[in-house]
Structures are given as C-alpha cells and as structure tokens.
Amino acid sequence: MHRNLFIGLLLIALLGCGEKSIPRPAGSTETEVPDNTPAHGIDLSHWKLTLPIGAPTEIEPPEILNYAQLAEVKPYMYDDTTDGSLVFYATPGASTANSSYSRSELREQMQPGSNSVNWTFAQGGRMRAKLAVPEVSRDASGDPHRVIVLQIHGRLTNEQRDLIGEDDNNAPPIMKVYWQKGYVRLKSKYLKDPDATYEELLHTDAWGDDEGYTFPEEVGTDPFTVEIVADAAGMRVTLNDKETHTYTGFDMDKWGAFENYFKAGNYLQARESDAFARVKFYELTVTH
C-alpha cells in the first residue's frame, strides 16, 4: 500500500513539472506574432493616393491599406525597410484636371472614401510630417527640380460650385510647401481685389500668388520636420521646431469662405521626360 502511494505521488509530481512553462527573456510575450506593421507607422485610413499613371489612378480607403500588395502602387509608393520610411516616387505622367504636373501624393479624406467632408479654418487643422528628399533630377542648368511635399488645398462646396457656375469643386491651394534646392520654401495666396464680393472671391482667378518665403535653414537631403497649423487666427508653418512663419490678417480672414484638405507626398514640378523625384516620409499625422 505504501509502495503504491509513493508511485502515485511520484507520477503527480512528474506530470506537474511537465506543465510548467519555460522561462522567457524579459519583455517577451507568451506567443510570438510577427509584426507586419510598416516601420513608419503612418495611418493611411484617412488618405487617398493619386498616382502618375492612368487618368490618373486613385486608391482610396480601405484599398490603400493594402498598398504593399497592389501592383500598380508598388513603383510609386512603397516601404523602405532600411530606414523605416514610406517612399513616394514620381516621374512625368498622368496629371489631374487642374494641373500639368504629375504626382504620387496623398489627399486627406476626413470621411474615408469621400472628398465631400472637409474642414474650414474656423474648425482648424494641424499636419505634422518628418520627411526627406534624397533623390531628385536636375534641369538643363544643373539645378534640382522643385517638389511640393505638403499642401493645404481649398475646395468649393457644391453650393459654392453651383453659385459661380463651375463644373468641379476645385479651389486654390492656400499653402504649398516646396523642397527647393535643399531649402524649404512656402507659397500662399492673397485676394487680388480687397473689395471682392463673396461670390467673386470663390473664383480661382480672384487669388494671386504671394512672394513666397524660404526658411534660411538648409535641409539638403537630410530628414526635416514641418508642422502646419491652420485655425481662426490664420496659418503657421514651423520648420524643425525652430522657426515659424505666420500668416494672419485680411487674406486669411477671407479664406475662411473655403473648405480645405491636407495633401502630402511627391508633387514633382517638372515635365522633362527624364525628370524624377523620390520623397521619404518617416512620420505623418493630422489632427482636427
């Protein structure tokens, strides 16, 4: 009897030892699941992609979330695993209706899949990006081609479009952020006629290009950070959390008539057959 009891206790002890888990290194999890999230961590669920192909080709949410598996996207937007960036590549090709330049560029969609829901300066918007322009072609003079990397673009509501008899909802971009010869340059708009009526200021040709502003800090081909904030007080653009260029006053107040959306990517300002640019985004966030 004592012998049988001893054997039973021994079996219980051995089985109990077999159920114990092997200690894991600190910080590890019980089940190791491969992480397929891109290193850049950019949330594309509220962005539409325009490509320099097709008429042009556009990829909206939720399809854009599978960009790495889409054959038409791969040459123009892809992950660089060597530095954790999201790369936008552009060459002259298909362009949108209101431009002669091609792009590989994201367009904000506050409501995924729709261009109709946008924001005003009164509602406010903030975009912050960390990016670099490591490769760009040169013109006949040997100067690098310009690239627009960030924008705030205006949009007419359907009611405004019908009021002025337009056939689309296009309005001017109130902010363009250029990479230009290794510097960050800003271009905005001003209302040509201070006495323009509400209906008159809705026309694209009512707005002229300002003189522009170039930040004195050279960024070259290295990563840099740009933050754009637009609200009821105006618009502010900051480079590398150091210098801020501010837009306030009459023109910004009048711009309050428009809806807006953010854009980010590679809008190549060249049409030569051998022109190209590669833009890398490491961070991109938008808040309202």
Foldseek 3Di string as FASTA:
>chain_A
DVVVVVVVVVVVVVVVVVPDDDDDPPPDDPDDDDDPQQLLNEDCQFKKWWFQVDLIDIHWPPRVVVLQPDPVNVVAWDADNVVRWIKGKDAHHRDDPVDNFGGGKIWGHPPTPDPQDFAFQARKKKKKFKKFWQDWDADPVRFGFKWFFKFKFWWAHPVLCVLQVHPGTGAGIQWTWMCGRQWTKIKGKAQPDLPDDLNRSRDRVRIDIDPIDIDPDGRHGHIKMWMWIGHPQFIWIDIRVPDIDTDGDDRRNSSRSTGIIMMGGTGTPDHPRPTMTMMIISYMDMDD
